[in-house]
C-alpha atoms as a PDB file:
ATOM      1  CA  MET A   1      68.670 168.677  30.159  1.00  0.00           C
ATOM      2  CA  PRO A   2      65.795 166.198  30.680  1.00  0.00           C
ATOM      3  CA  PHE A   3      62.846 167.422  32.728  1.00  0.00           C
ATOM      4  CA  HIS A   4      63.083 166.211  36.310  1.00  0.00           C
ATOM      5  CA  ALA A   5      60.773 166.908  39.232  1.00  0.00           C
ATOM      6  CA  PRO A   6      62.398 165.504  42.390  1.00  0.00           C
ATOM      7  CA  VAL A   7      59.715 163.890  44.537  1.00  0.00           C
ATOM      8  CA  LEU A   8      59.115 165.229  48.053  1.00  0.00           C
ATOM      9  CA  ARG A   9      61.859 167.797  47.464  1.00  0.00           C
ATOM     10  CA  ASP A  10      60.804 170.249  50.156  1.00  0.00           C
ATOM     11  CA  ARG A  11      60.351 167.499  52.746  1.00  0.00           C
ATOM     12  CA  VAL A  12      63.776 166.055  51.952  1.00  0.00           C
ATOM     13  CA  VAL A  13      65.294 169.502  52.380  1.00  0.00           C
ATOM     14  CA  ALA A  14      63.467 169.999  55.687  1.00  0.00           C
ATOM     15  CA  HIS A  15      64.757 166.693  57.075  1.00  0.00           C
ATOM     16  CA  LEU A  16      68.377 166.928  55.909  1.00  0.00           C
ATOM     17  CA  VAL A  17      69.341 170.621  56.022  1.00  0.00           C
ATOM     18  CA  PRO A  18      69.458 170.663  59.866  1.00  0.00           C
ATOM     19  CA  ALA A  19      72.444 168.295  59.597  1.00  0.00           C
ATOM     20  CA  ALA A  20      74.605 170.887  57.764  1.00  0.00           C
ATOM     21  CA  PRO A  21      77.433 171.788  57.579  1.00  0.00           C
ATOM     22  CA  GLY A  22      79.423 168.799  56.413  1.00  0.00           C
ATOM     23  CA  LEU A  23      79.447 166.028  53.814  1.00  0.00           C
ATOM     24  CA  LEU A  24      76.159 165.233  52.105  1.00  0.00           C
ATOM     25  CA  VAL A  25      76.031 161.926  50.215  1.00  0.00           C
ATOM     26  CA  ASP A  26      73.339 161.564  47.586  1.00  0.00           C
ATOM     27  CA  ALA A  27      73.718 157.842  47.018  1.00  0.00           C
ATOM     28  CA  THR A  28      71.418 157.842  43.963  1.00  0.00           C
ATOM     29  CA  VAL A  29      72.080 161.300  42.586  1.00  0.00           C
ATOM     30  CA  GLY A  30      70.238 160.708  39.289  1.00  0.00           C
ATOM     31  CA  LEU A  31      69.507 164.043  37.595  1.00  0.00           C
ATOM     32  CA  ALA A  32      70.511 165.903  40.781  1.00  0.00           C
ATOM     33  CA  GLY A  33      67.170 167.490  41.589  1.00  0.00           C
ATOM     34  CA  HIS A  34      67.418 166.731  45.289  1.00  0.00           C
ATOM     35  CA  ALA A  35      71.162 167.360  45.391  1.00  0.00           C
ATOM     36  CA  GLY A  36      70.818 170.783  43.797  1.00  0.00           C
ATOM     37  CA  ALA A  37      68.023 171.781  46.166  1.00  0.00           C
ATOM     38  CA  LEU A  38      70.049 170.701  49.208  1.00  0.00           C
ATOM     39  CA  LEU A  39      73.207 172.495  48.076  1.00  0.00           C
ATOM     40  CA  GLN A  40      71.135 175.598  47.413  1.00  0.00           C
ATOM     41  CA  ALA A  41      69.450 175.422  50.812  1.00  0.00           C
ATOM     42  CA  ALA A  42      72.589 174.831  52.877  1.00  0.00           C
ATOM     43  CA  ALA A  43      75.842 176.556  51.917  1.00  0.00           C
ATOM     44  CA  GLY A  44      77.652 174.329  54.400  1.00  0.00           C
ATOM     45  CA  PHE A  45      76.930 171.125  52.479  1.00  0.00           C
ATOM     46  CA  VAL A  46      79.618 169.525  50.322  1.00  0.00           C
ATOM     47  CA  LEU A  47      78.233 166.822  48.025  1.00  0.00           C
ATOM     48  CA  LEU A  48      79.426 163.359  47.127  1.00  0.00           C
ATOM     49  CA  GLY A  49      77.001 162.109  44.487  1.00  0.00           C
ATOM     50  CA  LEU A  50      76.844 158.449  43.480  1.00  0.00           C
ATOM     51  CA  ASP A  51      74.990 156.729  40.657  1.00  0.00           C
ATOM     52  CA  ARG A  52      75.355 153.481  38.747  1.00  0.00           C
ATOM     53  CA  ASP A  53      74.085 155.130  35.537  1.00  0.00           C
ATOM     54  CA  PRO A  54      76.878 156.927  33.630  1.00  0.00           C
ATOM     55  CA  SER A  55      74.324 158.900  31.605  1.00  0.00           C
ATOM     56  CA  ALA A  56      72.671 160.196  34.768  1.00  0.00           C
ATOM     57  CA  LEU A  57      76.042 161.264  36.152  1.00  0.00           C
ATOM     58  CA  ARG A  58      76.754 163.300  33.027  1.00  0.00           C
ATOM     59  CA  HIS A  59      73.472 165.166  33.408  1.00  0.00           C
ATOM     60  CA  ALA A  60      74.046 165.592  37.155  1.00  0.00           C
ATOM     61  CA  GLY A  61      77.482 167.070  36.493  1.00  0.00           C
ATOM     62  CA  SER A  62      75.983 169.612  34.130  1.00  0.00           C
ATOM     63  CA  ARG A  63      73.164 170.529  36.529  1.00  0.00           C
ATOM     64  CA  LEU A  64      75.518 170.879  39.507  1.00  0.00           C
ATOM     65  CA  GLN A  65      78.234 172.812  37.676  1.00  0.00           C
ATOM     66  CA  PRO A  66      77.296 176.125  39.370  1.00  0.00           C
ATOM     67  CA  PHE A  67      78.302 174.621  42.740  1.00  0.00           C
ATOM     68  CA  GLY A  68      81.887 174.124  41.593  1.00  0.00           C
ATOM     69  CA  ASP A  69      84.245 172.295  43.919  1.00  0.00           C
ATOM     70  CA  ARG A  70      81.464 171.598  46.430  1.00  0.00           C
ATOM     71  CA  VAL A  71      80.538 168.616  44.215  1.00  0.00           C
ATOM     72  CA  SER A  72      82.204 165.255  43.533  1.00  0.00           C
ATOM     73  CA  LEU A  73      80.536 162.498  41.506  1.00  0.00           C
ATOM     74  CA  VAL A  74      81.347 158.777  41.399  1.00  0.00           C
ATOM     75  CA  ASN A  75      79.982 156.021  39.157  1.00  0.00           C
ATOM     76  CA  CYS A  76      78.961 153.146  41.448  1.00  0.00           C
ATOM     77  CA  THR A  77      75.965 151.424  43.005  1.00  0.00           C
ATOM     78  CA  PHE A  78      74.627 152.940  46.201  1.00  0.00           C
ATOM     79  CA  SER A  79      75.571 149.891  48.268  1.00  0.00           C
ATOM     80  CA  GLU A  80      79.208 150.664  47.435  1.00  0.00           C
ATOM     81  CA  MET A  81      79.056 153.947  49.364  1.00  0.00           C
ATOM     82  CA  PRO A  82      81.159 152.775  52.373  1.00  0.00           C
ATOM     83  CA  ARG A  83      83.958 151.668  50.044  1.00  0.00           C
ATOM     84  CA  VAL A  84      83.863 154.959  48.134  1.00  0.00           C
ATOM     85  CA  LEU A  85      84.030 156.964  51.362  1.00  0.00           C
ATOM     86  CA  VAL A  86      87.193 155.097  52.353  1.00  0.00           C
ATOM     87  CA  GLU A  87      88.808 155.314  48.922  1.00  0.00           C
ATOM     88  CA  THR A  88      88.131 159.062  48.621  1.00  0.00           C
ATOM     89  CA  GLY A  89      89.284 159.786  52.166  1.00  0.00           C
ATOM     90  CA  SER A  90      85.958 161.430  52.921  1.00  0.00           C
ATOM     91  CA  PRO A  91      84.871 162.401  56.443  1.00  0.00           C
ATOM     92  CA  PRO A  92      81.785 160.744  57.947  1.00  0.00           C
ATOM     93  CA  PRO A  93      78.698 162.145  56.215  1.00  0.00           C
ATOM     94  CA  VAL A  94      76.345 164.365  58.183  1.00  0.00           C
ATOM     95  CA  ALA A  95      73.517 163.523  55.755  1.00  0.00           C
ATOM     96  CA  ILE A  96      72.789 160.642  53.374  1.00  0.00           C
ATOM     97  CA  LEU A  97      69.951 160.472  50.852  1.00  0.00           C
ATOM     98  CA  ALA A  98      68.822 157.532  48.714  1.00  0.00           C
ATOM     99  CA  ASP A  99      66.003 158.099  46.221  1.00  0.00           C
ATOM    100  CA  LEU A 100      65.169 154.595  45.028  1.00  0.00           C
ATOM    101  CA  GLY A 101      63.654 153.482  41.751  1.00  0.00           C
ATOM    102  CA  CYS A 102      64.073 154.854  38.235  1.00  0.00           C
ATOM    103  CA  SER A 103      64.919 158.361  37.164  1.00  0.00           C
ATOM    104  CA  SER A 104      62.917 160.338  34.618  1.00  0.00           C
ATOM    105  CA  LEU A 105      65.890 159.974  32.279  1.00  0.00           C
ATOM    106  CA  GLN A 106      65.614 156.190  32.390  1.00  0.00           C
ATOM    107  CA  LEU A 107      61.823 156.007  32.172  1.00  0.00           C
ATOM    108  CA  ASP A 108      61.573 158.482  29.301  1.00  0.00           C
ATOM    109  CA  SER A 109      64.357 156.962  27.172  1.00  0.00           C
ATOM    110  CA  PRO A 110      62.817 154.231  24.966  1.00  0.00           C
ATOM    111  CA  GLU A 111      66.242 152.743  24.252  1.00  0.00           C
ATOM    112  CA  ARG A 112      66.634 151.923  27.954  1.00  0.00           C
ATOM    113  CA  GLY A 113      63.595 149.624  27.912  1.00  0.00           C
ATOM    114  CA  PHE A 114      62.138 150.551  31.303  1.00  0.00           C
ATOM    115  CA  SER A 115      58.634 151.549  30.305  1.00  0.00           C
ATOM    116  CA  PHE A 116      55.696 149.821  28.635  1.00  0.00           C
ATOM    117  CA  GLN A 117      54.643 153.286  27.430  1.00  0.00           C
ATOM    118  CA  HIS A 118      57.519 153.415  24.919  1.00  0.00           C
ATOM    119  CA  ASP A 119      58.560 150.645  22.547  1.00  0.00           C
ATOM    120  CA  GLY A 120      62.234 149.844  22.781  1.00  0.00           C
ATOM    121  CA  PRO A 121      64.720 147.057  23.447  1.00  0.00           C
ATOM    122  CA  LEU A 122      63.905 145.004  26.540  1.00  0.00           C
ATOM    123  CA  ASP A 123      66.879 146.173  28.618  1.00  0.00           C
ATOM    124  CA  MET A 124      65.972 147.785  32.007  1.00  0.00           C
ATOM    125  CA  ARG A 125      69.573 147.987  33.265  1.00  0.00           C
ATOM    126  CA  MET A 126      70.373 151.042  35.365  1.00  0.00           C
ATOM    127  CA  SER A 127      74.045 150.548  34.504  1.00  0.00           C
ATOM    128  CA  THR A 128      75.658 149.357  31.271  1.00  0.00           C
ATOM    129  CA  THR A 129      76.622 145.892  32.491  1.00  0.00           C
ATOM    130  CA  GLY A 130      74.870 142.717  33.594  1.00  0.00           C
ATOM    131  CA  ARG A 131      71.919 140.661  32.387  1.00  0.00           C
ATOM    132  CA  THR A 132      69.214 142.486  30.460  1.00  0.00           C
ATOM    133  CA  ALA A 133      65.494 141.989  30.934  1.00  0.00           C
ATOM    134  CA  ALA A 134      65.402 140.274  27.533  1.00  0.00           C
ATOM    135  CA  GLU A 135      67.978 137.753  28.676  1.00  0.00           C
ATOM    136  CA  LEU A 136      66.025 137.209  31.870  1.00  0.00           C
ATOM    137  CA  VAL A 137      62.605 136.583  30.269  1.00  0.00           C
ATOM    138  CA  ASN A 138      64.085 134.398  27.531  1.00  0.00           C
ATOM    139  CA  GLU A 139      66.464 132.308  29.637  1.00  0.00           C
ATOM    140  CA  ALA A 140      65.034 132.054  33.167  1.00  0.00           C
ATOM    141  CA  SER A 141      63.253 128.911  34.257  1.00  0.00           C
ATOM    142  CA  GLU A 142      59.515 128.869  34.793  1.00  0.00           C
ATOM    143  CA  GLU A 143      60.088 128.719  38.560  1.00  0.00           C
ATOM    144  CA  GLU A 144      62.452 131.726  38.559  1.00  0.00           C
ATOM    145  CA  LEU A 145      60.189 133.870  36.414  1.00  0.00           C
ATOM    146  CA  MET A 146      57.114 133.073  38.480  1.00  0.00           C
ATOM    147  CA  ARG A 147      58.997 133.844  41.710  1.00  0.00           C
ATOM    148  CA  ILE A 148      60.182 137.188  40.331  1.00  0.00           C
ATOM    149  CA  LEU A 149      56.688 138.263  39.257  1.00  0.00           C
ATOM    150  CA  TRP A 150      55.129 137.113  42.527  1.00  0.00           C
ATOM    151  CA  ASP A 151      57.806 138.340  44.965  1.00  0.00           C
ATOM    152  CA  TYR A 152      58.889 141.585  43.289  1.00  0.00           C
ATOM    153  CA  GLY A 153      55.744 142.555  41.423  1.00  0.00           C
ATOM    154  CA  GLU A 154      53.199 141.150  43.866  1.00  0.00           C
ATOM    155  CA  GLU A 155      51.450 140.028  40.685  1.00  0.00           C
ATOM    156  CA  ARG A 156      48.505 137.739  41.514  1.00  0.00           C
ATOM    157  CA  ARG A 157      48.468 136.287  37.984  1.00  0.00           C
ATOM    158  CA  ALA A 158      52.187 135.499  38.047  1.00  0.00           C
ATOM    159  CA  ARG A 159      51.715 131.869  37.027  1.00  0.00           C
ATOM    160  CA  ALA A 160      49.529 132.683  34.023  1.00  0.00           C
ATOM    161  CA  ILE A 161      51.825 135.486  32.825  1.00  0.00           C
ATOM    162  CA  THR A 162      54.894 133.261  33.221  1.00  0.00           C
ATOM    163  CA  ARG A 163      53.313 130.507  31.152  1.00  0.00           C
ATOM    164  CA  ALA A 164      52.327 133.025  28.467  1.00  0.00           C
ATOM    165  CA  ILE A 165      55.932 134.263  28.338  1.00  0.00           C
ATOM    166  CA  LEU A 166      57.229 130.703  28.009  1.00  0.00           C
ATOM    167  CA  LYS A 167      54.763 129.994  25.225  1.00  0.00           C
ATOM    168  CA  ARG A 168      55.738 133.150  23.312  1.00  0.00           C
ATOM    169  CA  ARG A 169      59.504 132.644  23.713  1.00  0.00           C
ATOM    170  CA  ALA A 170      59.215 129.061  22.467  1.00  0.00           C
ATOM    171  CA  ASP A 171      58.152 130.563  19.138  1.00  0.00           C
ATOM    172  CA  ARG A 172      60.664 133.440  19.154  1.00  0.00           C
ATOM    173  CA  PRO A 173      62.602 135.351  21.821  1.00  0.00           C
ATOM    174  CA  LEU A 174      60.967 138.439  23.308  1.00  0.00           C
ATOM    175  CA  ALA A 175      63.095 141.409  22.315  1.00  0.00           C
ATOM    176  CA  THR A 176      61.096 144.587  22.935  1.00  0.00           C
ATOM    177  CA  THR A 177      58.968 146.236  25.598  1.00  0.00           C
ATOM    178  CA  ALA A 178      55.980 146.171  23.223  1.00  0.00           C
ATOM    179  CA  GLU A 179      56.288 142.406  22.810  1.00  0.00           C
ATOM    180  CA  LEU A 180      56.367 141.825  26.561  1.00  0.00           C
ATOM    181  CA  THR A 181      53.452 144.206  27.090  1.00  0.00           C
ATOM    182  CA  SER A 182      51.383 142.337  24.504  1.00  0.00           C
ATOM    183  CA  VAL A 183      51.990 139.040  26.317  1.00  0.00           C
ATOM    184  CA  VAL A 184      50.822 140.531  29.619  1.00  0.00           C
ATOM    185  CA  LEU A 185      47.737 142.075  28.015  1.00  0.00           C
ATOM    186  CA  GLU A 186      46.820 138.698  26.489  1.00  0.00           C
ATOM    187  CA  VAL A 187      46.545 137.399  30.054  1.00  0.00           C
ATOM    188  CA  LEU A 188      45.184 140.402  31.955  1.00  0.00           C
ATOM    189  CA  GLY A 189      43.255 142.240  29.261  1.00  0.00           C
ATOM    190  CA  PRO A 190      43.490 145.957  28.397  1.00  0.00           C
ATOM    191  CA  LYS A 191      43.700 148.827  30.851  1.00  0.00           C
ATOM    192  CA  ARG A 192      40.306 149.883  32.172  1.00  0.00           C
ATOM    193  CA  GLY A 193      39.520 153.330  33.541  1.00  0.00           C
ATOM    194  CA  PRO A 194      41.793 154.789  36.229  1.00  0.00           C
ATOM    195  CA  GLN A 195      43.410 151.462  37.218  1.00  0.00           C
ATOM    196  CA  ILE A 196      47.141 151.053  36.817  1.00  0.00           C
ATOM    197  CA  HIS A 197      48.328 149.626  33.519  1.00  0.00           C
ATOM    198  CA  PRO A 198      48.138 145.807  33.586  1.00  0.00           C
ATOM    199  CA  ALA A 199      51.848 145.519  32.697  1.00  0.00           C
ATOM    200  CA  THR A 200      52.988 147.715  35.602  1.00  0.00           C
ATOM    201  CA  ARG A 201      53.688 144.918  38.074  1.00  0.00           C
ATOM    202  CA  THR A 202      55.455 142.732  35.531  1.00  0.00           C
ATOM    203  CA  PHE A 203      57.753 145.551  34.420  1.00  0.00           C
ATOM    204  CA  GLN A 204      58.422 146.527  38.039  1.00  0.00           C
ATOM    205  CA  ALA A 205      59.297 142.961  38.980  1.00  0.00           C
ATOM    206  CA  LEU A 206      61.683 142.439  36.082  1.00  0.00           C
ATOM    207  CA  ARG A 207      63.375 145.793  36.673  1.00  0.00           C
ATOM    208  CA  ILE A 208      63.927 144.950  40.347  1.00  0.00           C
ATOM    209  CA  ALA A 209      65.386 141.569  39.412  1.00  0.00           C
ATOM    210  CA  VAL A 210      67.639 142.906  36.643  1.00  0.00           C
ATOM    211  CA  ASN A 211      69.136 145.558  38.934  1.00  0.00           C
ATOM    212  CA  ASP A 212      69.035 143.554  42.205  1.00  0.00           C
ATOM    213  CA  GLU A 213      67.301 146.554  43.752  1.00  0.00           C
ATOM    214  CA  LEU A 214      66.182 144.897  46.981  1.00  0.00           C
ATOM    215  CA  GLY A 215      69.591 143.307  47.441  1.00  0.00           C
ATOM    216  CA  GLU A 216      71.205 146.701  46.972  1.00  0.00           C
ATOM    217  CA  LEU A 217      68.873 148.224  49.549  1.00  0.00           C
ATOM    218  CA  GLU A 218      69.467 145.373  51.994  1.00  0.00           C
ATOM    219  CA  ARG A 219      73.226 145.942  51.709  1.00  0.00           C
ATOM    220  CA  PHE A 220      72.881 149.731  52.003  1.00  0.00           C
ATOM    221  CA  VAL A 221      70.775 150.740  55.002  1.00  0.00           C
ATOM    222  CA  GLU A 222      72.742 149.413  57.972  1.00  0.00           C
ATOM    223  CA  PRO A 223      76.224 150.286  56.600  1.00  0.00           C
ATOM    224  CA  ALA A 224      74.931 153.764  55.716  1.00  0.00           C
ATOM    225  CA  ALA A 225      73.803 154.287  59.304  1.00  0.00           C
ATOM    226  CA  ARG A 226      77.224 153.179  60.569  1.00  0.00           C
ATOM    227  CA  CYS A 227      78.953 155.642  58.231  1.00  0.00           C
ATOM    228  CA  LEU A 228      77.101 158.671  59.600  1.00  0.00           C
ATOM    229  CA  GLU A 229      78.603 161.313  61.836  1.00  0.00           C
ATOM    230  CA  PRO A 230      76.903 161.138  65.266  1.00  0.00           C
ATOM    231  CA  GLY A 231      73.736 163.187  64.932  1.00  0.00           C
ATOM    232  CA  GLY A 232      73.850 162.722  61.163  1.00  0.00           C
ATOM    233  CA  ARG A 233      70.683 162.053  59.182  1.00  0.00           C
ATOM    234  CA  LEU A 234      69.654 159.321  56.748  1.00  0.00           C
ATOM    235  CA  ALA A 235      66.663 159.743  54.410  1.00  0.00           C
ATOM    236  CA  ILE A 236      65.330 157.131  51.991  1.00  0.00           C
ATOM    237  CA  ILE A 237      62.549 157.535  49.424  1.00  0.00           C
ATOM    238  CA  SER A 238      60.910 154.306  48.282  1.00  0.00           C
ATOM    239  CA  PHE A 239      58.304 153.674  45.610  1.00  0.00           C
ATOM    240  CA  HIS A 240      56.750 150.330  46.440  1.00  0.00           C
ATOM    241  CA  SER A 241      55.774 148.381  49.513  1.00  0.00           C
ATOM    242  CA  LEU A 242      58.676 145.916  49.406  1.00  0.00           C
ATOM    243  CA  GLU A 243      61.217 148.731  49.665  1.00  0.00           C
ATOM    244  CA  ASP A 244      59.260 150.656  52.261  1.00  0.00           C
ATOM    245  CA  ARG A 245      58.825 147.608  54.517  1.00  0.00           C
ATOM    246  CA  LEU A 246      62.539 146.865  54.311  1.00  0.00           C
ATOM    247  CA  VAL A 247      63.503 150.446  55.206  1.00  0.00           C
ATOM    248  CA  LYS A 248      60.958 150.568  58.034  1.00  0.00           C
ATOM    249  CA  TRP A 249      62.292 147.336  59.534  1.00  0.00           C
ATOM    250  CA  LYS A 250      65.952 148.310  59.147  1.00  0.00           C
ATOM    251  CA  PHE A 251      65.340 151.636  60.878  1.00  0.00           C
ATOM    252  CA  LYS A 252      63.356 149.979  63.641  1.00  0.00           C
ATOM    253  CA  GLU A 253      65.855 147.211  64.391  1.00  0.00           C
ATOM    254  CA  ASN A 254      68.912 149.489  64.460  1.00  0.00           C
ATOM    255  CA  PRO A 255      69.502 150.454  68.119  1.00  0.00           C
ATOM    256  CA  PHE A 256      71.689 153.400  67.139  1.00  0.00           C
ATOM    257  CA  LEU A 257      69.053 155.160  65.029  1.00  0.00           C
ATOM    258  CA  ASP A 258      66.222 157.395  66.176  1.00  0.00           C
ATOM    259  CA  VAL A 259      63.419 157.577  63.638  1.00  0.00           C
ATOM    260  CA  LEU A 260      62.312 161.063  62.614  1.00  0.00           C
ATOM    261  CA  THR A 261      59.267 159.903  60.623  1.00  0.00           C
ATOM    262  CA  LYS A 262      56.936 157.793  62.747  1.00  0.00           C
ATOM    263  CA  LYS A 263      54.861 157.352  59.599  1.00  0.00           C
ATOM    264  CA  PRO A 264      56.239 157.655  56.078  1.00  0.00           C
ATOM    265  CA  VAL A 265      55.996 161.090  54.499  1.00  0.00           C
ATOM    266  CA  THR A 266      53.888 160.986  51.329  1.00  0.00           C
ATOM    267  CA  PRO A 267      53.297 163.561  48.591  1.00  0.00           C
ATOM    268  CA  THR A 268      50.445 166.015  48.700  1.00  0.00           C
ATOM    269  CA  LEU A 269      47.625 165.888  46.163  1.00  0.00           C
ATOM    270  CA  LYS A 270      49.071 169.033  44.614  1.00  0.00           C
ATOM    271  CA  GLU A 271      52.442 167.368  44.066  1.00  0.00           C
ATOM    272  CA  ILE A 272      50.804 164.259  42.613  1.00  0.00           C
ATOM    273  CA  ARG A 273      48.811 166.393  40.176  1.00  0.00           C
ATOM    274  CA  THR A 274      52.018 168.136  39.126  1.00  0.00           C
ATOM    275  CA  ASN A 275      54.130 164.968  39.051  1.00  0.00           C
ATOM    276  CA  PRO A 276      52.051 161.749  38.791  1.00  0.00           C
ATOM    277  CA  ARG A 277      55.197 159.645  39.286  1.00  0.00           C
ATOM    278  CA  ALA A 278      55.316 160.867  42.876  1.00  0.00           C
ATOM    279  CA  ARG A 279      52.044 159.159  43.818  1.00  0.00           C
ATOM    280  CA  SER A 280      53.625 156.064  45.403  1.00  0.00           C
ATOM    281  CA  ALA A 281      56.628 157.786  47.019  1.00  0.00           C
ATOM    282  CA  LYS A 282      57.288 157.324  50.734  1.00  0.00           C
ATOM    283  CA  LEU A 283      60.016 159.116  52.661  1.00  0.00           C
ATOM    284  CA  ARG A 284      61.467 157.778  55.895  1.00  0.00           C
ATOM    285  CA  ALA A 285      64.219 159.538  57.843  1.00  0.00           C
ATOM    286  CA  ALA A 286      66.289 158.809  60.926  1.00  0.00           C
ATOM    287  CA  TYR A 287      69.337 160.172  62.704  1.00  0.00           C
ATOM    288  CA  LEU A 288      72.309 158.540  64.401  1.00  0.00           C
ATOM    289  CA  LYS A 289      72.162 158.955  68.161  1.00  0.00           C
ATOM    290  CA  THR A 290      74.902 161.201  69.450  1.00  0.00           C
ATOM    291  CA  ASN A 291      75.706 159.092  72.493  1.00  0.00           C
ATOM    292  CA  ASP A 292      75.947 155.760  70.709  1.00  0.00           C
ATOM    293  CA  LYS A 293      77.623 154.528  67.579  1.00  0.00           C
END
């Protein structure tokens, strides 16, 4: 079983356990760190776990085996949750969790192509279908690539990196994470001191584009709120500002939600030291008003 430290675990438990008993939907179950903690903390929870990554679901099934028939798992994207609830005849959830971004399984598997820290095929797909990152960087127009790096990566040198990619692919297609990283470093230079790796924003942007992550989130938040049992709770963990702003706005503009987190919950220094990947995590939670739906 791959190592997995669920970010903000105790805070997620604190926000969602008061909604028990009833159906808990972990819409991005991943390696089931949050799901296991919630099932352990509240005997009244029954879990429906969703994930687009078949490999993650296999690991989640193994991790959650001790909870027996309290657990059901479905292979789908998190925006498909309303359809799955109907098809499975499930009751309205009392709690919904979405932990956005990549899992440790994906980041630490070189063959998945998510990380510049491991050389592997330039893939980045959270599922097993759709366009790969290699296809994107080798086939997209200059305008599309620059937009992706600027909009999704907030990369200030998007134009220069895009032109470097076009120059490299004119000679031969980019096929690996190491090749893409080398192109970015040619433009931005090597990592210096404690700053983030220069390729971070480029890899983030391409991953978001390959998996339509912001589109998925846009299609998820409002329908998820409508699916809740009155008084039910919705918690979302984001890892970059684009996601967090979208969640904040969706919570704010929904007249049927009361926000439980006036400011996003962030990890403590202790948690960041233990799990550096938690450093950018932000948790927002809300509940469905009991008098309105």
